[in-house]
C-alpha atoms as a PDB file:
ATOM      1  CA  MET A   1       5.889 168.319-155.767  1.00  0.00           C
ATOM      2  CA  ASP A   2       9.653 167.657-155.820  1.00  0.00           C
ATOM      3  CA  ALA A   3       9.424 165.824-152.491  1.00  0.00           C
ATOM      4  CA  ARG A   4       6.690 163.534-153.834  1.00  0.00           C
ATOM      5  CA  VAL A   5       8.674 162.820-156.997  1.00  0.00           C
ATOM      6  CA  ASN A   6      11.841 162.115-155.025  1.00  0.00           C
ATOM      7  CA  GLY A   7       9.917 159.859-152.658  1.00  0.00           C
ATOM      8  CA  PHE A   8       8.450 157.942-155.591  1.00  0.00           C
ATOM      9  CA  ARG A   9      11.891 157.561-157.155  1.00  0.00           C
ATOM     10  CA  LEU A  10      13.262 156.236-153.862  1.00  0.00           C
ATOM     11  CA  LEU A  11      10.439 153.704-153.682  1.00  0.00           C
ATOM     12  CA  ILE A  12      11.158 152.510-157.207  1.00  0.00           C
ATOM     13  CA  LEU A  13      14.863 152.263-156.376  1.00  0.00           C
ATOM     14  CA  LEU A  14      14.135 150.191-153.272  1.00  0.00           C
ATOM     15  CA  ALA A  15      11.795 147.905-155.183  1.00  0.00           C
ATOM     16  CA  SER A  16      14.365 147.397-157.935  1.00  0.00           C
ATOM     17  CA  PHE A  17      17.071 146.722-155.403  1.00  0.00           C
ATOM     18  CA  ALA A  18      14.789 144.275-153.621  1.00  0.00           C
ATOM     19  CA  CYS A  19      14.254 142.264-156.775  1.00  0.00           C
ATOM     20  CA  GLY A  20      17.957 141.890-157.409  1.00  0.00           C
ATOM     21  CA  SER A  21      20.009 142.212-154.261  1.00  0.00           C
ATOM     22  CA  VAL A  22      18.081 139.989-151.871  1.00  0.00           C
ATOM     23  CA  ARG A  23      18.587 136.917-154.028  1.00  0.00           C
ATOM     24  CA  ALA A  24      21.347 134.387-153.518  1.00  0.00           C
ATOM     25  CA  ALA A  25      20.889 134.277-149.738  1.00  0.00           C
ATOM     26  CA  GLN A  26      21.840 130.645-149.254  1.00  0.00           C
ATOM     27  CA  LEU A  27      21.905 129.008-145.835  1.00  0.00           C
ATOM     28  CA  LYS A  28      25.489 128.356-144.771  1.00  0.00           C
ATOM     29  CA  PRO A  29      26.441 125.214-142.812  1.00  0.00           C
ATOM     30  CA  GLU A  30      27.742 127.246-139.867  1.00  0.00           C
ATOM     31  CA  THR A  31      24.462 129.195-139.711  1.00  0.00           C
ATOM     32  CA  ALA A  32      22.404 126.010-139.719  1.00  0.00           C
ATOM     33  CA  ALA A  33      24.670 124.486-137.062  1.00  0.00           C
ATOM     34  CA  ALA A  34      24.204 127.507-134.785  1.00  0.00           C
ATOM     35  CA  PHE A  35      20.405 127.253-135.135  1.00  0.00           C
ATOM     36  CA  ASP A  36      20.527 123.518-134.391  1.00  0.00           C
ATOM     37  CA  ARG A  37      22.532 124.274-131.250  1.00  0.00           C
ATOM     38  CA  TYR A  38      20.015 126.942-130.200  1.00  0.00           C
ATOM     39  CA  ILE A  39      17.134 124.498-130.690  1.00  0.00           C
ATOM     40  CA  LYS A  40      18.938 121.713-128.835  1.00  0.00           C
ATOM     41  CA  VAL A  41      19.597 123.892-125.783  1.00  0.00           C
ATOM     42  CA  THR A  42      16.063 125.307-125.885  1.00  0.00           C
ATOM     43  CA  GLU A  43      14.394 121.897-126.127  1.00  0.00           C
ATOM     44  CA  GLU A  44      16.582 120.476-123.368  1.00  0.00           C
ATOM     45  CA  GLU A  45      15.373 123.296-121.110  1.00  0.00           C
ATOM     46  CA  MET A  46      11.764 122.658-122.118  1.00  0.00           C
ATOM     47  CA  ASN A  47      12.099 118.957-121.302  1.00  0.00           C
ATOM     48  CA  LYS A  48      13.261 119.775-117.773  1.00  0.00           C
ATOM     49  CA  HIS A  49       9.902 121.370-116.999  1.00  0.00           C
ATOM     50  CA  ARG A  50       7.217 118.727-117.243  1.00  0.00           C
ATOM     51  CA  GLY A  51       6.149 118.488-113.592  1.00  0.00           C
ATOM     52  CA  PHE A  52       3.424 119.941-111.378  1.00  0.00           C
ATOM     53  CA  ASN A  53       3.608 123.755-111.163  1.00  0.00           C
ATOM     54  CA  ASP A  54       6.640 123.615-113.463  1.00  0.00           C
ATOM     55  CA  PHE A  55       5.218 123.072-116.950  1.00  0.00           C
ATOM     56  CA  LEU A  56       4.280 126.569-118.059  1.00  0.00           C
ATOM     57  CA  TRP A  57       6.443 129.629-118.540  1.00  0.00           C
ATOM     58  CA  LEU A  58       3.871 131.328-116.308  1.00  0.00           C
ATOM     59  CA  ASP A  59       4.751 128.928-113.482  1.00  0.00           C
ATOM     60  CA  HIS A  60       8.130 130.635-113.245  1.00  0.00           C
ATOM     61  CA  ARG A  61       6.734 134.164-113.185  1.00  0.00           C
ATOM     62  CA  ASP A  62       5.119 136.373-110.587  1.00  0.00           C
ATOM     63  CA  PRO A  63       1.671 134.871-109.729  1.00  0.00           C
ATOM     64  CA  LYS A  64       0.127 138.245-110.582  1.00  0.00           C
ATOM     65  CA  GLU A  65       1.071 137.680-114.231  1.00  0.00           C
ATOM     66  CA  LYS A  66      -0.826 134.383-114.306  1.00  0.00           C
ATOM     67  CA  SER A  67      -3.832 136.096-112.733  1.00  0.00           C
ATOM     68  CA  LEU A  68      -3.822 138.757-115.451  1.00  0.00           C
ATOM     69  CA  VAL A  69      -3.680 136.078-118.160  1.00  0.00           C
ATOM     70  CA  TRP A  70      -6.563 134.243-116.455  1.00  0.00           C
ATOM     71  CA  LEU A  71      -8.564 137.481-116.528  1.00  0.00           C
ATOM     72  CA  GLY A  72      -8.121 137.654-120.308  1.00  0.00           C
ATOM     73  CA  GLN A  73      -4.915 139.625-120.889  1.00  0.00           C
ATOM     74  CA  PRO A  74      -2.603 137.804-123.356  1.00  0.00           C
ATOM     75  CA  VAL A  75       1.186 138.107-123.156  1.00  0.00           C
ATOM     76  CA  PHE A  76       3.641 138.482-126.043  1.00  0.00           C
ATOM     77  CA  VAL A  77       7.354 138.684-125.267  1.00  0.00           C
ATOM     78  CA  PRO A  78      10.670 137.987-127.032  1.00  0.00           C
ATOM     79  CA  LEU A  79      12.839 135.277-125.495  1.00  0.00           C
ATOM     80  CA  THR A  80      16.526 134.372-125.745  1.00  0.00           C
ATOM     81  CA  THR A  81      18.043 130.992-124.941  1.00  0.00           C
ATOM     82  CA  LEU A  82      21.491 131.079-123.350  1.00  0.00           C
ATOM     83  CA  ASP A  83      23.996 128.236-123.400  1.00  0.00           C
ATOM     84  CA  HIS A  84      25.683 128.115-119.979  1.00  0.00           C
ATOM     85  CA  GLY A  85      24.906 131.791-119.551  1.00  0.00           C
ATOM     86  CA  GLN A  86      26.309 132.801-122.939  1.00  0.00           C
ATOM     87  CA  GLN A  87      24.485 133.961-126.045  1.00  0.00           C
ATOM     88  CA  ILE A  88      24.687 131.641-129.023  1.00  0.00           C
ATOM     89  CA  ASP A  89      26.391 133.346-131.952  1.00  0.00           C
ATOM     90  CA  VAL A  90      24.633 132.868-135.295  1.00  0.00           C
ATOM     91  CA  PRO A  91      26.970 133.825-138.170  1.00  0.00           C
ATOM     92  CA  ASP A  92      25.171 135.334-141.176  1.00  0.00           C
ATOM     93  CA  GLY A  93      21.756 134.664-139.666  1.00  0.00           C
ATOM     94  CA  VAL A  94      19.188 135.954-137.192  1.00  0.00           C
ATOM     95  CA  ILE A  95      17.204 133.861-134.715  1.00  0.00           C
ATOM     96  CA  GLN A  96      13.881 135.225-133.505  1.00  0.00           C
ATOM     97  CA  HIS A  97      12.273 133.613-130.474  1.00  0.00           C
ATOM     98  CA  TRP A  98       8.782 134.737-129.451  1.00  0.00           C
ATOM     99  CA  LEU A  99       6.365 133.632-126.758  1.00  0.00           C
ATOM    100  CA  GLY A 100       2.604 134.100-126.766  1.00  0.00           C
ATOM    101  CA  VAL A 101       0.441 133.219-123.757  1.00  0.00           C
ATOM    102  CA  THR A 102      -3.324 133.187-123.264  1.00  0.00           C
ATOM    103  CA  TYR A 103      -6.068 131.587-121.195  1.00  0.00           C
ATOM    104  CA  LEU A 104      -9.082 130.039-122.916  1.00  0.00           C
ATOM    105  CA  ASP A 105     -12.184 130.145-120.762  1.00  0.00           C
ATOM    106  CA  GLU A 106     -14.167 126.889-120.385  1.00  0.00           C
ATOM    107  CA  PRO A 107     -13.224 124.665-123.377  1.00  0.00           C
ATOM    108  CA  PRO A 108     -11.985 121.173-122.477  1.00  0.00           C
ATOM    109  CA  LEU A 109      -8.344 120.380-123.184  1.00  0.00           C
ATOM    110  CA  GLU A 110      -9.308 118.004-125.994  1.00  0.00           C
ATOM    111  CA  ARG A 111     -11.081 120.723-128.022  1.00  0.00           C
ATOM    112  CA  VAL A 112      -8.062 123.029-127.880  1.00  0.00           C
ATOM    113  CA  ARG A 113      -5.768 120.123-128.770  1.00  0.00           C
ATOM    114  CA  ASP A 114      -7.929 119.208-131.767  1.00  0.00           C
ATOM    115  CA  LEU A 115      -7.874 122.764-133.117  1.00  0.00           C
ATOM    116  CA  ILE A 116      -4.086 123.065-132.797  1.00  0.00           C
ATOM    117  CA  LEU A 117      -3.548 119.724-134.523  1.00  0.00           C
ATOM    118  CA  ASN A 118      -6.055 120.574-137.274  1.00  0.00           C
ATOM    119  CA  PHE A 119      -3.348 121.802-139.633  1.00  0.00           C
ATOM    120  CA  ALA A 120      -5.672 121.631-142.654  1.00  0.00           C
ATOM    121  CA  ASP A 121      -7.704 124.504-141.206  1.00  0.00           C
ATOM    122  CA  TYR A 122      -4.835 126.797-140.193  1.00  0.00           C
ATOM    123  CA  LYS A 123      -5.763 128.762-143.328  1.00  0.00           C
ATOM    124  CA  THR A 124      -9.139 129.447-141.686  1.00  0.00           C
ATOM    125  CA  PHE A 125      -8.202 129.997-138.044  1.00  0.00           C
ATOM    126  CA  PHE A 126      -4.957 131.894-138.703  1.00  0.00           C
ATOM    127  CA  LYS A 127      -5.714 133.336-142.136  1.00  0.00           C
ATOM    128  CA  LEU A 128      -3.836 136.620-141.694  1.00  0.00           C
ATOM    129  CA  GLN A 129      -0.525 134.727-141.769  1.00  0.00           C
ATOM    130  CA  VAL A 130      -1.391 131.368-143.382  1.00  0.00           C
ATOM    131  CA  ILE A 131      -2.919 131.695-146.848  1.00  0.00           C
ATOM    132  CA  ASP A 132      -3.210 127.941-147.409  1.00  0.00           C
ATOM    133  CA  SER A 133      -2.630 124.790-145.387  1.00  0.00           C
ATOM    134  CA  LYS A 134      -3.078 121.055-145.656  1.00  0.00           C
ATOM    135  CA  LEU A 135      -2.441 117.918-143.657  1.00  0.00           C
ATOM    136  CA  ILE A 136      -0.120 115.686-145.643  1.00  0.00           C
ATOM    137  CA  GLN A 137       0.090 112.675-143.330  1.00  0.00           C
ATOM    138  CA  HIS A 138      -1.055 111.586-139.872  1.00  0.00           C
ATOM    139  CA  ASP A 139       0.299 108.528-138.115  1.00  0.00           C
ATOM    140  CA  GLY A 140      -0.470 108.183-134.402  1.00  0.00           C
ATOM    141  CA  ASP A 141       1.079 111.123-132.574  1.00  0.00           C
ATOM    142  CA  GLN A 142       2.985 112.321-135.668  1.00  0.00           C
ATOM    143  CA  PHE A 143       1.629 114.890-138.143  1.00  0.00           C
ATOM    144  CA  ASP A 144       3.125 116.200-141.392  1.00  0.00           C
ATOM    145  CA  ALA A 145       1.635 119.422-142.738  1.00  0.00           C
ATOM    146  CA  LEU A 146       2.152 122.142-145.327  1.00  0.00           C
ATOM    147  CA  LEU A 147       1.647 125.781-144.348  1.00  0.00           C
ATOM    148  CA  ARG A 148       1.834 128.468-147.019  1.00  0.00           C
ATOM    149  CA  LEU A 149       2.906 131.793-145.517  1.00  0.00           C
ATOM    150  CA  TYR A 150       2.138 134.896-147.539  1.00  0.00           C
ATOM    151  CA  LYS A 151       3.322 138.455-147.138  1.00  0.00           C
ATOM    152  CA  LYS A 152       2.720 141.422-149.403  1.00  0.00           C
ATOM    153  CA  GLN A 153       3.527 145.075-149.030  1.00  0.00           C
ATOM    154  CA  ILE A 154       4.964 146.153-152.385  1.00  0.00           C
ATOM    155  CA  SER A 155       6.338 142.860-153.658  1.00  0.00           C
ATOM    156  CA  ALA A 156       4.708 139.526-152.751  1.00  0.00           C
ATOM    157  CA  VAL A 157       6.421 136.541-151.168  1.00  0.00           C
ATOM    158  CA  LEU A 158       4.928 133.121-150.539  1.00  0.00           C
ATOM    159  CA  LEU A 159       6.822 130.481-148.577  1.00  0.00           C
ATOM    160  CA  ASN A 160       5.948 126.783-148.601  1.00  0.00           C
ATOM    161  CA  VAL A 161       6.697 125.569-145.077  1.00  0.00           C
ATOM    162  CA  HIS A 162       6.644 121.837-144.414  1.00  0.00           C
ATOM    163  CA  GLU A 163       6.206 121.038-140.720  1.00  0.00           C
ATOM    164  CA  SER A 164       6.632 117.768-138.857  1.00  0.00           C
ATOM    165  CA  ALA A 165       4.672 117.833-135.588  1.00  0.00           C
ATOM    166  CA  LYS A 166       4.762 115.471-132.630  1.00  0.00           C
ATOM    167  CA  PHE A 167       1.990 115.366-130.023  1.00  0.00           C
ATOM    168  CA  THR A 168       2.836 114.364-126.438  1.00  0.00           C
ATOM    169  CA  LEU A 169       0.332 113.790-123.630  1.00  0.00           C
ATOM    170  CA  VAL A 170       2.473 114.754-120.643  1.00  0.00           C
ATOM    171  CA  ASP A 171      -0.277 113.790-118.195  1.00  0.00           C
ATOM    172  CA  PRO A 172      -4.100 113.952-118.308  1.00  0.00           C
ATOM    173  CA  SER A 173      -4.031 117.743-117.842  1.00  0.00           C
ATOM    174  CA  LYS A 174      -0.983 118.713-119.947  1.00  0.00           C
ATOM    175  CA  ILE A 175      -0.160 118.509-123.652  1.00  0.00           C
ATOM    176  CA  PHE A 176       3.021 119.421-125.519  1.00  0.00           C
ATOM    177  CA  VAL A 177       3.205 119.778-129.307  1.00  0.00           C
ATOM    178  CA  ALA A 178       6.526 120.365-131.101  1.00  0.00           C
ATOM    179  CA  CYS A 179       6.529 121.370-134.783  1.00  0.00           C
ATOM    180  CA  HIS A 180       9.816 121.405-136.707  1.00  0.00           C
ATOM    181  CA  SER A 181      10.157 122.749-140.227  1.00  0.00           C
ATOM    182  CA  THR A 182      11.640 120.157-142.574  1.00  0.00           C
ATOM    183  CA  HIS A 183      11.627 122.292-145.720  1.00  0.00           C
ATOM    184  CA  ILE A 184      10.975 125.941-146.554  1.00  0.00           C
ATOM    185  CA  GLY A 185      10.808 126.947-150.205  1.00  0.00           C
ATOM    186  CA  GLU A 186      10.027 130.276-151.844  1.00  0.00           C
ATOM    187  CA  ALA A 187       7.324 130.123-154.516  1.00  0.00           C
ATOM    188  CA  ALA A 188       8.516 131.292-157.913  1.00  0.00           C
ATOM    189  CA  HIS A 189       5.091 132.740-158.782  1.00  0.00           C
ATOM    190  CA  PRO A 190       3.445 133.861-155.527  1.00  0.00           C
ATOM    191  CA  LYS A 191       0.512 135.540-157.296  1.00  0.00           C
ATOM    192  CA  ASP A 192      -0.444 132.432-159.297  1.00  0.00           C
ATOM    193  CA  LYS A 193      -2.307 130.008-157.041  1.00  0.00           C
ATOM    194  CA  ASN A 194      -1.935 127.191-159.555  1.00  0.00           C
ATOM    195  CA  SER A 195       1.870 127.528-159.454  1.00  0.00           C
ATOM    196  CA  TRP A 196       2.482 127.742-155.703  1.00  0.00           C
ATOM    197  CA  ASP A 197       4.293 124.392-155.701  1.00  0.00           C
ATOM    198  CA  GLU A 198       6.876 125.710-158.177  1.00  0.00           C
ATOM    199  CA  GLU A 199       9.788 127.019-156.096  1.00  0.00           C
ATOM    200  CA  LEU A 200      12.850 129.080-156.828  1.00  0.00           C
ATOM    201  CA  SER A 201      16.124 127.180-156.846  1.00  0.00           C
ATOM    202  CA  PRO A 202      17.997 127.339-153.497  1.00  0.00           C
ATOM    203  CA  GLN A 203      20.589 129.747-154.894  1.00  0.00           C
ATOM    204  CA  ASP A 204      17.834 132.155-156.025  1.00  0.00           C
ATOM    205  CA  GLN A 205      15.840 132.218-152.784  1.00  0.00           C
ATOM    206  CA  SER A 206      15.883 135.247-150.523  1.00  0.00           C
ATOM    207  CA  GLY A 207      16.424 133.669-147.106  1.00  0.00           C
ATOM    208  CA  TYR A 208      13.434 135.343-145.459  1.00  0.00           C
ATOM    209  CA  LEU A 209      12.945 132.173-143.414  1.00  0.00           C
ATOM    210  CA  TRP A 210      15.252 129.179-143.356  1.00  0.00           C
ATOM    211  CA  SER A 211      13.690 127.430-140.362  1.00  0.00           C
ATOM    212  CA  LEU A 212      10.481 127.833-138.372  1.00  0.00           C
ATOM    213  CA  ASN A 213       9.647 125.810-135.248  1.00  0.00           C
ATOM    214  CA  LEU A 214       6.467 126.048-133.169  1.00  0.00           C
ATOM    215  CA  TYR A 215       6.058 124.719-129.615  1.00  0.00           C
ATOM    216  CA  TYR A 216       2.675 124.547-127.879  1.00  0.00           C
ATOM    217  CA  ARG A 217       2.119 123.940-124.178  1.00  0.00           C
ATOM    218  CA  LEU A 218      -1.485 123.335-123.069  1.00  0.00           C
ATOM    219  CA  GLU A 219      -2.593 122.904-119.475  1.00  0.00           C
ATOM    220  CA  GLN A 220      -6.131 122.347-118.203  1.00  0.00           C
ATOM    221  CA  SER A 221      -6.508 124.437-115.075  1.00  0.00           C
ATOM    222  CA  ASP A 222      -8.874 126.902-113.369  1.00  0.00           C
ATOM    223  CA  ASN A 223     -11.858 125.633-115.445  1.00  0.00           C
ATOM    224  CA  GLY A 224     -10.135 126.445-118.728  1.00  0.00           C
ATOM    225  CA  VAL A 225      -6.926 125.932-120.689  1.00  0.00           C
ATOM    226  CA  TYR A 226      -3.684 127.900-120.528  1.00  0.00           C
ATOM    227  CA  VAL A 227      -1.943 128.012-123.903  1.00  0.00           C
ATOM    228  CA  GLU A 228       1.678 128.957-124.447  1.00  0.00           C
ATOM    229  CA  LEU A 229       3.214 129.139-127.913  1.00  0.00           C
ATOM    230  CA  GLU A 230       6.907 129.569-128.636  1.00  0.00           C
ATOM    231  CA  VAL A 231       7.907 130.451-132.198  1.00  0.00           C
ATOM    232  CA  ILE A 232      11.580 130.142-133.129  1.00  0.00           C
ATOM    233  CA  SER A 233      12.764 131.163-136.590  1.00  0.00           C
ATOM    234  CA  LEU A 234      16.004 131.477-138.522  1.00  0.00           C
ATOM    235  CA  GLY A 235      16.394 133.981-141.344  1.00  0.00           C
ATOM    236  CA  ARG A 236      19.050 135.892-143.208  1.00  0.00           C
ATOM    237  CA  GLU A 237      21.037 138.638-141.557  1.00  0.00           C
ATOM    238  CA  ALA A 238      20.396 142.200-142.667  1.00  0.00           C
ATOM    239  CA  GLY A 239      24.069 143.052-142.158  1.00  0.00           C
ATOM    240  CA  GLY A 240      23.358 146.118-140.061  1.00  0.00           C
ATOM    241  CA  LYS A 241      21.961 148.024-143.046  1.00  0.00           C
ATOM    242  CA  LEU A 242      18.439 148.503-144.342  1.00  0.00           C
ATOM    243  CA  ASN A 243      17.688 145.425-146.380  1.00  0.00           C
ATOM    244  CA  PRO A 244      15.093 146.624-148.897  1.00  0.00           C
ATOM    245  CA  GLY A 245      13.767 143.144-149.621  1.00  0.00           C
ATOM    246  CA  ARG A 246      13.024 142.492-145.967  1.00  0.00           C
ATOM    247  CA  PHE A 247      11.594 146.007-145.584  1.00  0.00           C
ATOM    248  CA  LEU A 248       9.301 145.677-148.568  1.00  0.00           C
ATOM    249  CA  ASN A 249       8.109 142.162-147.781  1.00  0.00           C
ATOM    250  CA  GLY A 250       7.981 142.468-144.001  1.00  0.00           C
ATOM    251  CA  PHE A 251       9.250 138.990-143.137  1.00  0.00           C
ATOM    252  CA  GLU A 252      11.526 140.436-140.452  1.00  0.00           C
ATOM    253  CA  THR A 253       8.351 140.928-138.358  1.00  0.00           C
ATOM    254  CA  PHE A 254       6.668 137.701-139.403  1.00  0.00           C
ATOM    255  CA  PRO A 255       7.663 135.476-136.435  1.00  0.00           C
ATOM    256  CA  ARG A 256       6.168 137.999-134.027  1.00  0.00           C
ATOM    257  CA  GLU A 257       3.063 138.395-136.201  1.00  0.00           C
ATOM    258  CA  LEU A 258       2.610 134.623-136.470  1.00  0.00           C
ATOM    259  CA  THR A 259       2.841 134.257-132.688  1.00  0.00           C
ATOM    260  CA  ARG A 260       0.216 136.931-132.175  1.00  0.00           C
ATOM    261  CA  GLY A 261      -1.925 135.648-135.035  1.00  0.00           C
ATOM    262  CA  ILE A 262      -2.144 132.117-133.642  1.00  0.00           C
ATOM    263  CA  ILE A 263      -2.872 133.294-130.096  1.00  0.00           C
ATOM    264  CA  ASP A 264      -5.500 135.755-131.372  1.00  0.00           C
ATOM    265  CA  GLY A 265      -7.024 133.021-133.559  1.00  0.00           C
ATOM    266  CA  LEU A 266      -7.360 130.719-130.555  1.00  0.00           C
ATOM    267  CA  ARG A 267      -8.970 133.513-128.555  1.00  0.00           C
ATOM    268  CA  ASP A 268     -11.460 134.106-131.372  1.00  0.00           C
ATOM    269  CA  ALA A 269     -12.266 130.388-131.554  1.00  0.00           C
ATOM    270  CA  PHE A 270     -12.818 130.206-127.776  1.00  0.00           C
ATOM    271  CA  PRO A 271     -14.062 133.650-126.660  1.00  0.00           C
ATOM    272  CA  HIS A 272     -13.353 134.775-123.116  1.00  0.00           C
ATOM    273  CA  HIS A 273     -16.479 135.176-120.959  1.00  0.00           C
ATOM    274  CA  ARG A 274     -15.095 136.984-117.942  1.00  0.00           C
END
């Protein structure tokens, strides 16, 4: 009985601490600059690999790995970008960089492209991570979208993520889509759907996510489409101690979950027949 009571008291203490102590996590200029540097180096490396047998991450791996993906086994791995062999220091912040890889059996490249660029229906295809989504503007190869990311364990958090996406046809068999977050705001009333556009002031936000970029590589090959997704995020640093707000809301695992959720959603939309 005492153990249950003590456990309940600890939970209440954590929840109370989460409501107060995780606030005022403002993005510092040096943190943003480090993320920008990480993205610049990462995108420069991506742009080097646009040729034949050089486009996919899988092209640089053991051929057995590509065979396993072709047979229906997805891959999820963390990545780290180095700058001239050195890690990029991110003061007061944490960068997460995840890769998801799958092979979609039989659909033409255009159908996979259309689903990925259908931002209005992310709430349907990837509903475990995206509670709402809408296309704000589309002009040629440029797309502006709003993705609402929701997470609830004990306390609820809803983030309004504005993404600017650019579609590039590398060649008739390869497509690259880069999505950069232009604004991330924390909803003041995450449980009230009619108030989702009302956001906390910057000084009152928790810093669960400050930036979120998505990069898709699609290649038509072997009678299907290989899909690679890289998710790169920037969030607040836990400071080496248990951060109750991040523990209770789970956003420290969100980049990995989003990577898996999108890959799994694509696999559900285009079931494997092998």
